[in-house]
Amino acid sequence: MTEILRKKLSDSAVARWSAMVIVSFTMMTGYFLCDIMAPLEDMLTKTPEEGGLGWTSSEYGFFSGSYGFINVFLLMLFFGGIILDKCGVRFTGLLSSSLMLSGALIKWYALSADFGGATLFGYNMQVILASLGFAIFGVGNEITCITATKVIAKWFGGHEMALAMGLQVALGRLGTAAALSCSVPIAHAIGTIAAPVLVGAIALCVGLMAYIVYCVMDCRLDASSDPAAAAGNSGEEGGFVLSDLKLIFTNRGFWLIALLCLCFYAAVFPFLKFATKLMIYKYNVAPDLAGFIPSLLPFGTILLTPLFGSLYDRIGKGATLMIIGSVMLTAVHVLFALPILPYWWFAIIVMVILGISFSLVPSAMWPSVPKIIPMKQLGSAYATIFYIQNIGLSMVPVFIGWVIETYAKRTDAAGAVTYDYTLPMTIFALFGVLAILIAFLLKAENARRHYGLEKPNMK
């Protein structure tokens, strides 16, 4: 009778929302550092005489893609999911936060040091070391994201899960928005391109301390659920065995969500890496203000993602929301590709539409995974999805950087450099088309398997 009457800590609205805010703040600091270099592309690719570092577009694309190199080629994100399911959210979160900070410090050192023109594998040594730091950071950041997502699923089961995940995503996007809008002013104010990275590293220190606070709350949650769990770090994680991976990998609905994630995010995050320069050369925005327009994307999601998440909680229609968001994504990149209306106000309108799309799909996609995969396998499922997503986050920037360097860059008779972004934006639009097709297949699979993606989340 005592077991039946025991009230879990997560049944307290104050407790579960506090946990969400704390963990999301740690994730937000990672998002801030992740996108801190995107507005600096034009500065990085200028010559040292012009105040830049002399990187090429290909080198910048390699650096941007390096975020996922270790995750993809060494399978670290996949193993991170197994660690999460076996060791729990406390150990995994502290480990991943520490990796983020270590990678950020390596990246800051690389951008601050003078390597005297040394090269390795055909790339500037500065690019190689900065990429190494970004890759280590990428391991920590991605594992932090899957840990935070599992934390929300752990605390909000039977409650406002989609709203909580929407707010989690919104806080992460706030970090992205801050990076896109503040990076160039910070670099100019302090007088060095490395300065924004140092600011990001300091933010990561605060995020690590915040996660330590969450660990105390998680101990109390385990104790309120099962007193035996308070001494360890088990709970639902203890039931995971490696053979459970077969149940994940043979689930067609899981693979459709993973492929949708790959195509959708490949058309968003890599685009943001190059969007500032797009604003400068296609829409004639001043370099100091060019990062502001891409920052509208994450700022818009701060309000819209929780709104759409709450809508999913109450009325369902998750698969339908993913279809609508994918259609809007494709339309946005088609508009960016067309040689029409090269004005800043048009770029703002299109970016706002992209922000709506970027709110619709994640607000429905991430809360749908627990409807398909059991809790004890959830960490590995999210990790596999993030791993597949990282293939796009790694390879697409490298490819787009090469396309820009090879096909989009133009030099006139006077030596002035311009860029034609029609081909890069067309490539992003093709990812959107694939996302639409996969979203329709997911809706059909849901109708066959009765996952409940079209049903509300709240009991």
Protein backbone atom coordinates (compact mmCIF):
# COMPACT_ATOMS: atom_id res chain seq x y z
CA MET A 1 0.00 0.00 0.00
CA THR A 2 2.91 2.33 0.79
CA GLU A 3 4.33 1.74 -2.71
CA ILE A 4 1.01 2.68 -4.29
CA LEU A 5 0.71 5.91 -2.30
CA ARG A 6 4.32 7.03 -2.86
CA LYS A 7 4.45 10.27 -4.84
CA LYS A 8 7.35 10.77 -7.22
CA LEU A 9 9.25 14.05 -7.26
CA SER A 10 8.34 14.43 -10.94
CA ASP A 11 4.67 14.69 -9.96
CA SER A 12 5.51 18.13 -8.58
CA ALA A 13 5.13 20.70 -11.36
CA VAL A 14 7.70 22.99 -9.72
CA ALA A 15 10.26 20.19 -9.49
CA ARG A 16 9.91 18.87 -13.03
CA TRP A 17 9.91 22.32 -14.64
CA SER A 18 12.92 23.33 -12.55
CA ALA A 19 14.76 20.23 -13.77
CA MET A 20 13.84 21.09 -17.35
CA VAL A 21 15.14 24.66 -17.05
CA ILE A 22 18.43 23.63 -15.42
CA VAL A 23 19.25 20.91 -17.94
CA SER A 24 18.13 23.08 -20.86
CA PHE A 25 20.39 25.88 -19.67
CA THR A 26 23.39 23.54 -19.85
CA MET A 27 22.32 22.57 -23.36
CA MET A 28 21.83 26.25 -24.27
CA THR A 29 25.46 27.06 -23.44
CA GLY A 30 26.50 24.28 -25.81
CA TYR A 31 24.33 25.67 -28.61
CA PHE A 32 25.88 29.10 -28.03
CA LEU A 33 29.42 27.81 -28.54
CA CYS A 34 28.33 25.56 -31.43
CA ASP A 35 27.24 28.49 -33.64
CA ILE A 36 29.58 31.19 -32.36
CA MET A 37 31.80 30.98 -35.46
CA ALA A 38 29.06 31.07 -38.11
CA PRO A 39 28.77 34.88 -38.33
CA LEU A 40 32.57 35.14 -38.49
CA GLU A 41 32.91 33.31 -41.82
CA ASP A 42 33.50 36.50 -43.79
CA MET A 43 36.16 37.61 -41.28
CA LEU A 44 37.83 34.20 -41.31
CA THR A 45 38.08 34.13 -45.11
CA LYS A 46 39.56 37.63 -45.43
CA THR A 47 43.32 37.95 -45.75
CA PRO A 48 45.43 38.85 -42.68
CA GLU A 49 46.03 42.25 -44.26
CA GLU A 50 42.24 42.78 -44.22
CA GLY A 51 42.00 41.72 -40.58
CA GLY A 52 41.06 38.07 -41.22
CA LEU A 53 42.77 34.71 -40.87
CA GLY A 54 43.05 33.86 -44.55
CA TRP A 55 40.93 30.69 -44.50
CA THR A 56 39.38 29.47 -47.74
CA SER A 57 35.68 28.56 -48.06
CA SER A 58 36.73 24.90 -48.28
CA GLU A 59 38.70 25.21 -45.03
CA TYR A 60 35.75 26.87 -43.35
CA GLY A 61 33.48 24.08 -44.63
CA PHE A 62 35.93 21.47 -43.27
CA PHE A 63 35.98 23.25 -39.90
CA SER A 64 32.18 23.48 -39.77
CA GLY A 65 31.80 19.81 -40.66
CA SER A 66 34.44 18.73 -38.13
CA TYR A 67 31.76 19.11 -35.43
CA GLY A 68 30.54 15.61 -36.21
CA PHE A 69 33.73 13.87 -37.38
CA ILE A 70 34.44 11.95 -34.14
CA ASN A 71 30.75 11.23 -33.63
CA VAL A 72 30.38 9.82 -37.13
CA PHE A 73 33.68 8.12 -37.92
CA LEU A 74 34.51 6.81 -34.43
CA LEU A 75 30.85 6.08 -33.50
CA MET A 76 31.24 8.05 -30.26
CA LEU A 77 27.68 9.33 -30.29
CA PHE A 78 26.35 5.78 -30.69
CA PHE A 79 28.48 4.61 -27.75
CA GLY A 80 27.35 7.68 -25.84
CA GLY A 81 23.76 6.44 -26.08
CA ILE A 82 24.76 3.07 -24.68
CA ILE A 83 26.63 4.80 -21.84
CA LEU A 84 23.53 6.88 -21.17
CA ASP A 85 21.26 3.83 -20.93
CA LYS A 86 23.76 1.86 -18.81
CA CYS A 87 25.17 4.60 -16.54
CA GLY A 88 22.28 7.06 -16.35
CA VAL A 89 21.78 10.75 -16.89
CA ARG A 90 23.98 11.99 -14.04
CA PHE A 91 27.27 10.39 -15.05
CA THR A 92 26.67 10.90 -18.78
CA GLY A 93 25.68 14.55 -18.42
CA LEU A 94 28.76 15.43 -16.37
CA LEU A 95 31.01 13.57 -18.81
CA SER A 96 29.53 15.28 -21.87
CA SER A 97 29.61 18.75 -20.31
CA SER A 98 33.30 18.28 -19.50
CA LEU A 99 34.02 17.23 -23.08
CA MET A 100 32.27 20.36 -24.38
CA LEU A 101 34.43 22.58 -22.21
CA SER A 102 37.66 20.79 -23.19
CA GLY A 103 36.90 21.10 -26.90
CA ALA A 104 36.01 24.77 -26.55
CA LEU A 105 39.34 25.56 -24.89
CA ILE A 106 41.29 23.77 -27.67
CA LYS A 107 39.32 25.70 -30.27
CA TRP A 108 40.01 29.00 -28.50
CA TYR A 109 43.75 28.25 -28.31
CA ALA A 110 43.88 27.38 -32.02
CA LEU A 111 42.26 30.67 -33.03
CA SER A 112 44.52 32.65 -30.67
CA ALA A 113 47.87 31.12 -31.61
CA ASP A 114 50.16 31.95 -34.51
CA PHE A 115 51.24 28.81 -36.39
CA GLY A 116 53.45 30.63 -38.88
CA GLY A 117 51.66 29.29 -41.95
CA ALA A 118 52.24 25.61 -41.06
CA THR A 119 50.01 23.11 -42.87
CA LEU A 120 48.84 19.53 -42.37
CA PHE A 121 46.99 17.38 -44.94
CA GLY A 122 46.81 20.44 -47.17
CA TYR A 123 44.99 22.53 -44.56
CA ASN A 124 46.26 25.38 -42.43
CA MET A 125 47.47 24.00 -39.06
CA GLN A 126 45.22 26.52 -37.33
CA VAL A 127 42.23 25.05 -39.17
CA ILE A 128 43.25 21.49 -38.19
CA LEU A 129 43.62 22.28 -34.48
CA ALA A 130 40.45 24.37 -34.37
CA SER A 131 38.63 21.51 -36.09
CA LEU A 132 39.98 19.02 -33.53
CA GLY A 133 38.65 21.18 -30.71
CA PHE A 134 35.31 21.55 -32.48
CA ALA A 135 35.11 17.77 -33.02
CA ILE A 136 35.74 17.07 -29.31
CA PHE A 137 33.18 19.71 -28.42
CA GLY A 138 30.77 18.06 -30.87
CA VAL A 139 30.99 14.76 -29.01
CA GLY A 140 30.13 16.46 -25.74
CA ASN A 141 27.41 18.66 -27.19
CA GLU A 142 25.54 15.86 -28.96
CA ILE A 143 25.66 13.56 -25.93
CA THR A 144 24.49 16.45 -23.78
CA CYS A 145 21.52 16.90 -26.12
CA ILE A 146 20.45 13.25 -25.98
CA THR A 147 20.95 13.27 -22.20
CA ALA A 148 18.79 16.37 -21.83
CA THR A 149 16.12 14.83 -24.03
CA LYS A 150 16.05 11.65 -21.94
CA VAL A 151 15.88 13.79 -18.79
CA ILE A 152 12.71 15.42 -20.13
CA ALA A 153 11.22 12.02 -21.00
CA LYS A 154 12.11 10.79 -17.50
CA TRP A 155 10.51 13.72 -15.68
CA PHE A 156 7.52 14.43 -17.95
CA GLY A 157 6.11 10.98 -18.73
CA GLY A 158 2.32 11.34 -18.54
CA HIS A 159 2.65 15.12 -18.24
CA GLU A 160 3.34 17.95 -20.71
CA MET A 161 6.16 16.13 -22.53
CA ALA A 162 5.92 17.84 -25.93
CA LEU A 163 5.62 21.27 -24.32
CA ALA A 164 8.66 20.53 -22.14
CA MET A 165 10.68 19.31 -25.13
CA GLY A 166 9.53 22.35 -27.07
CA LEU A 167 10.76 24.66 -24.32
CA GLN A 168 13.99 22.66 -24.13
CA VAL A 169 14.52 23.19 -27.86
CA ALA A 170 13.54 26.87 -27.50
CA LEU A 171 16.18 27.49 -24.85
CA GLY A 172 18.75 25.77 -27.04
CA ARG A 173 17.73 28.01 -29.93
CA LEU A 174 18.17 31.03 -27.64
CA GLY A 175 21.82 30.02 -27.40
CA THR A 176 22.03 29.83 -31.20
CA ALA A 177 20.33 33.22 -31.58
CA ALA A 178 22.70 34.82 -29.09
CA ALA A 179 25.70 33.37 -30.95
CA LEU A 180 24.53 34.58 -34.36
CA SER A 181 23.69 38.09 -33.18
CA CYS A 182 26.51 38.72 -30.68
CA SER A 183 29.54 37.02 -32.24
CA VAL A 184 30.66 39.79 -34.59
CA PRO A 185 30.11 42.62 -32.05
CA ILE A 186 32.14 40.68 -29.45
CA ALA A 187 34.96 40.09 -31.94
CA HIS A 188 35.03 43.78 -32.90
CA ALA A 189 34.76 45.01 -29.32
CA ILE A 190 37.67 42.90 -28.05
CA GLY A 191 39.61 43.05 -31.31
CA THR A 192 40.16 39.33 -31.97
CA ILE A 193 38.25 36.57 -33.75
CA ALA A 194 39.02 34.19 -30.85
CA ALA A 195 37.21 36.37 -28.28
CA PRO A 196 33.67 35.01 -28.91
CA VAL A 197 34.96 31.46 -28.42
CA LEU A 198 36.43 32.40 -25.04
CA VAL A 199 33.08 33.90 -24.03
CA GLY A 200 31.45 30.62 -25.06
CA ALA A 201 33.91 28.61 -22.97
CA ILE A 202 33.09 30.72 -19.92
CA ALA A 203 29.38 30.08 -20.53
CA LEU A 204 30.09 26.34 -20.68
CA CYS A 205 31.70 26.51 -17.22
CA VAL A 206 28.46 27.94 -15.85
CA GLY A 207 26.49 25.26 -17.69
CA LEU A 208 28.60 22.51 -16.12
CA MET A 209 27.93 23.90 -12.65
CA ALA A 210 24.21 24.04 -13.42
CA TYR A 211 24.22 20.36 -14.35
CA ILE A 212 25.80 19.48 -11.00
CA VAL A 213 22.76 21.10 -9.39
CA TYR A 214 20.49 18.95 -11.55
CA CYS A 215 22.33 15.79 -10.44
CA VAL A 216 21.19 16.48 -6.87
CA MET A 217 17.59 16.72 -8.08
CA ASP A 218 17.94 13.51 -10.07
CA CYS A 219 19.11 11.65 -6.96
CA ARG A 220 15.98 12.83 -5.17
CA LEU A 221 13.79 11.73 -8.10
CA ASP A 222 15.27 8.22 -8.03
CA ALA A 223 14.81 8.07 -4.27
CA SER A 224 11.16 9.09 -4.57
CA SER A 225 10.59 6.45 -7.26
CA ASP A 226 12.63 3.64 -5.72
CA PRO A 227 14.72 4.07 -2.55
CA ALA A 228 17.19 1.46 -3.81
CA ALA A 229 17.95 3.64 -6.83
CA ALA A 230 19.13 6.52 -4.69
CA ALA A 231 22.37 4.73 -3.85
CA GLY A 232 23.19 4.13 -7.51
CA ASN A 233 22.21 5.69 -10.77
CA SER A 234 19.85 3.19 -12.15
CA GLY A 235 16.10 3.58 -12.28
CA GLU A 236 14.85 2.71 -15.69
CA GLU A 237 18.38 2.59 -17.14
CA GLY A 238 19.24 -0.61 -15.28
CA GLY A 239 17.00 -2.73 -17.47
CA PHE A 240 18.93 -2.01 -20.67
CA VAL A 241 20.94 -4.82 -22.29
CA LEU A 242 22.83 -4.74 -25.58
CA SER A 243 20.36 -7.14 -27.17
CA ASP A 244 17.76 -4.37 -26.89
CA LEU A 245 19.53 -2.63 -29.78
CA LYS A 246 18.02 -5.22 -32.14
CA LEU A 247 14.54 -4.04 -31.15
CA ILE A 248 15.52 -0.48 -32.08
CA PHE A 249 17.19 -1.32 -35.37
CA THR A 250 14.33 -3.50 -36.62
CA ASN A 251 11.72 -0.79 -35.98
CA ARG A 252 10.68 0.84 -39.27
CA GLY A 253 9.09 3.83 -37.55
CA PHE A 254 12.36 4.54 -35.76
CA TRP A 255 14.30 4.56 -39.05
CA LEU A 256 11.80 6.89 -40.69
CA ILE A 257 12.15 9.41 -37.87
CA ALA A 258 15.95 9.06 -38.03
CA LEU A 259 16.01 9.71 -41.79
CA LEU A 260 13.60 12.62 -41.45
CA CYS A 261 15.91 14.09 -38.82
CA LEU A 262 18.89 13.64 -41.15
CA CYS A 263 17.29 15.38 -44.13
CA PHE A 264 15.54 18.13 -42.18
CA TYR A 265 18.51 19.20 -40.07
CA ALA A 266 20.90 18.87 -43.04
CA ALA A 267 18.86 21.66 -44.63
CA VAL A 268 18.89 23.88 -41.54
CA PHE A 269 22.06 23.81 -39.42
CA PRO A 270 24.57 23.65 -42.31
CA PHE A 271 22.57 26.44 -43.98
CA LEU A 272 23.05 28.60 -40.87
CA LYS A 273 26.82 28.12 -41.16
CA PHE A 274 26.75 29.90 -44.51
CA ALA A 275 23.70 32.14 -44.09
CA THR A 276 25.56 35.23 -42.86
CA LYS A 277 27.67 35.38 -46.00
CA LEU A 278 24.54 34.76 -48.09
CA MET A 279 23.00 37.88 -46.54
CA ILE A 280 26.10 39.92 -47.38
CA TYR A 281 26.53 38.90 -51.01
CA LYS A 282 22.96 38.23 -52.18
CA TYR A 283 20.88 40.59 -50.04
CA ASN A 284 23.46 43.39 -49.66
CA VAL A 285 23.35 43.46 -45.85
CA ALA A 286 26.25 45.17 -44.06
CA PRO A 287 28.69 42.60 -42.55
CA ASP A 288 28.15 43.89 -39.00
CA LEU A 289 24.38 43.35 -39.33
CA ALA A 290 24.32 40.26 -41.54
CA GLY A 291 24.28 37.83 -38.59
CA PHE A 292 21.09 39.43 -37.27
CA ILE A 293 18.87 38.04 -40.05
CA PRO A 294 19.86 34.37 -39.53
CA SER A 295 19.44 34.93 -35.78
CA LEU A 296 15.73 35.55 -36.44
CA LEU A 297 15.42 31.81 -37.09
CA PRO A 298 16.24 30.65 -33.55
CA PHE A 299 14.58 33.68 -31.96
CA GLY A 300 11.32 32.76 -33.68
CA THR A 301 11.54 29.16 -32.48
CA ILE A 302 11.83 30.32 -28.86
CA LEU A 303 8.13 31.17 -28.90
CA LEU A 304 6.80 28.87 -31.61
CA THR A 305 8.36 25.53 -30.61
CA PRO A 306 6.71 25.44 -27.16
CA LEU A 307 3.46 26.61 -28.77
CA PHE A 308 3.47 23.79 -31.31
CA GLY A 309 4.61 21.36 -28.61
CA SER A 310 1.65 22.29 -26.46
CA LEU A 311 -0.59 21.85 -29.51
CA TYR A 312 0.80 18.34 -30.00
CA ASP A 313 0.23 17.56 -26.30
CA ARG A 314 -3.42 18.55 -26.53
CA ILE A 315 -4.65 17.59 -30.02
CA GLY A 316 -1.95 15.29 -31.45
CA LYS A 317 -1.35 15.33 -35.22
CA GLY A 318 2.42 14.88 -34.81
CA ALA A 319 3.04 13.27 -38.21
CA THR A 320 0.92 15.94 -39.91
CA LEU A 321 2.94 18.72 -38.25
CA MET A 322 6.14 17.12 -39.56
CA ILE A 323 4.77 17.09 -43.11
CA ILE A 324 3.72 20.75 -42.97
CA GLY A 325 7.09 21.81 -41.54
CA SER A 326 9.00 19.92 -44.24
CA VAL A 327 6.96 21.56 -47.00
CA MET A 328 7.69 25.01 -45.58
CA LEU A 329 11.40 24.18 -45.32
CA THR A 330 11.54 23.25 -48.99
CA ALA A 331 9.68 26.39 -50.04
CA VAL A 332 12.13 28.57 -48.11
CA HIS A 333 15.22 27.19 -49.84
CA VAL A 334 13.55 27.44 -53.23
CA LEU A 335 12.92 31.13 -52.53
CA PHE A 336 16.53 31.62 -51.45
CA ALA A 337 17.72 29.87 -54.64
CA LEU A 338 15.62 31.93 -57.05
CA PRO A 339 17.27 35.11 -58.43
CA ILE A 340 14.48 37.37 -57.17
CA LEU A 341 14.09 40.28 -54.76
CA PRO A 342 17.68 40.77 -53.54
CA TYR A 343 16.53 42.95 -50.64
CA TRP A 344 17.06 42.57 -46.88
CA TRP A 345 13.33 42.72 -46.11
CA PHE A 346 12.64 39.74 -48.37
CA ALA A 347 15.39 37.75 -46.65
CA ILE A 348 13.76 38.52 -43.29
CA ILE A 349 10.33 37.31 -44.49
CA VAL A 350 11.79 34.05 -45.81
CA MET A 351 13.79 33.52 -42.61
CA VAL A 352 10.63 33.95 -40.52
CA ILE A 353 8.94 31.23 -42.60
CA LEU A 354 11.96 28.99 -42.01
CA GLY A 355 11.61 29.70 -38.29
CA ILE A 356 8.02 28.41 -38.35
CA SER A 357 9.17 25.26 -40.14
CA PHE A 358 12.05 24.86 -37.70
CA SER A 359 9.51 24.97 -34.87
CA LEU A 360 6.92 22.61 -36.34
CA VAL A 361 9.12 19.60 -37.08
CA PRO A 362 11.22 19.35 -33.87
CA SER A 363 8.19 20.04 -31.64
CA ALA A 364 6.53 16.94 -33.10
CA MET A 365 9.53 14.77 -33.95
CA TRP A 366 11.36 14.51 -30.62
CA PRO A 367 8.27 13.76 -28.45
CA SER A 368 7.24 11.11 -30.99
CA VAL A 369 10.29 8.93 -30.31
CA PRO A 370 9.07 7.75 -26.85
CA LYS A 371 5.84 6.62 -28.52
CA ILE A 372 7.86 4.27 -30.73
CA ILE A 373 10.74 3.21 -28.42
CA PRO A 374 10.45 2.02 -24.75
CA MET A 375 12.05 4.14 -22.02
CA LYS A 376 14.89 1.72 -21.23
CA GLN A 377 16.05 1.87 -24.87
CA LEU A 378 15.39 5.58 -25.31
CA GLY A 379 18.94 6.82 -24.77
CA SER A 380 20.33 4.49 -27.43
CA ALA A 381 17.47 5.39 -29.78
CA TYR A 382 18.07 9.13 -29.43
CA ALA A 383 21.82 8.58 -29.75
CA THR A 384 21.38 6.65 -32.99
CA ILE A 385 19.12 9.38 -34.38
CA PHE A 386 21.66 12.03 -33.39
CA TYR A 387 24.42 9.90 -34.92
CA ILE A 388 22.58 9.77 -38.23
CA GLN A 389 21.87 13.49 -37.93
CA ASN A 390 25.59 14.10 -37.40
CA ILE A 391 26.37 12.46 -40.74
CA GLY A 392 24.52 15.35 -42.33
CA LEU A 393 25.98 17.95 -39.97
CA SER A 394 29.49 16.70 -40.84
CA MET A 395 29.32 15.98 -44.55
CA VAL A 396 26.93 18.68 -45.79
CA PRO A 397 29.02 21.72 -44.65
CA VAL A 398 32.13 20.19 -46.23
CA PHE A 399 30.22 19.59 -49.46
CA ILE A 400 28.57 23.03 -49.48
CA GLY A 401 31.91 24.72 -48.75
CA TRP A 402 33.42 22.93 -51.76
CA VAL A 403 30.44 23.86 -53.94
CA ILE A 404 30.74 27.53 -52.96
CA GLU A 405 34.50 27.56 -53.54
CA THR A 406 34.21 25.74 -56.89
CA TYR A 407 30.96 26.97 -58.43
CA ALA A 408 29.57 29.94 -56.49
CA LYS A 409 32.66 32.13 -56.12
CA ARG A 410 33.12 34.78 -58.79
CA THR A 411 36.05 37.17 -59.35
CA ASP A 412 35.62 40.13 -61.72
CA ALA A 413 38.28 41.87 -63.82
CA ALA A 414 39.09 44.24 -60.99
CA GLY A 415 39.70 41.35 -58.58
CA ALA A 416 36.51 41.88 -56.55
CA VAL A 417 34.98 38.68 -55.17
CA THR A 418 31.25 37.93 -55.33
CA TYR A 419 29.16 34.78 -54.78
CA ASP A 420 26.19 33.21 -56.57
CA TYR A 421 24.28 31.05 -54.08
CA THR A 422 21.77 29.50 -56.51
CA LEU A 423 23.36 26.03 -56.56
CA PRO A 424 24.00 25.75 -52.78
CA MET A 425 20.41 26.76 -52.01
CA THR A 426 19.09 24.29 -54.58
CA ILE A 427 20.98 21.51 -52.81
CA PHE A 428 19.39 22.51 -49.50
CA ALA A 429 15.95 22.49 -51.19
CA LEU A 430 16.54 18.90 -52.34
CA PHE A 431 17.04 17.85 -48.73
CA GLY A 432 13.67 19.43 -48.02
CA VAL A 433 12.01 17.39 -50.76
CA LEU A 434 13.40 14.19 -49.25
CA ALA A 435 12.10 15.27 -45.83
CA ILE A 436 8.58 15.67 -47.26
CA LEU A 437 8.63 12.16 -48.75
CA ILE A 438 9.88 10.59 -45.52
CA ALA A 439 7.29 12.45 -43.42
CA PHE A 440 4.50 11.02 -45.59
CA LEU A 441 5.96 7.52 -45.20
CA LEU A 442 6.09 8.02 -41.43
CA LYS A 443 2.42 9.00 -41.34
CA ALA A 444 1.52 5.88 -43.33
CA GLU A 445 3.62 3.69 -41.01
CA ASN A 446 1.91 5.23 -37.99
CA ALA A 447 -1.48 4.30 -39.48
CA ARG A 448 -0.32 0.68 -39.84
CA ARG A 449 1.48 0.27 -36.50
CA HIS A 450 -0.71 2.52 -34.33
CA TYR A 451 2.20 4.32 -32.65
CA GLY A 452 -0.13 7.12 -31.63
CA LEU A 453 1.76 9.91 -33.39
CA GLU A 454 -1.53 11.55 -34.33
CA LYS A 455 -2.90 11.25 -30.77
CA PRO A 456 -2.43 13.76 -27.91
CA ASN A 457 0.38 13.19 -25.39
CA MET A 458 -1.40 14.22 -22.21
CA LYS A 459 -3.36 11.59 -20.34
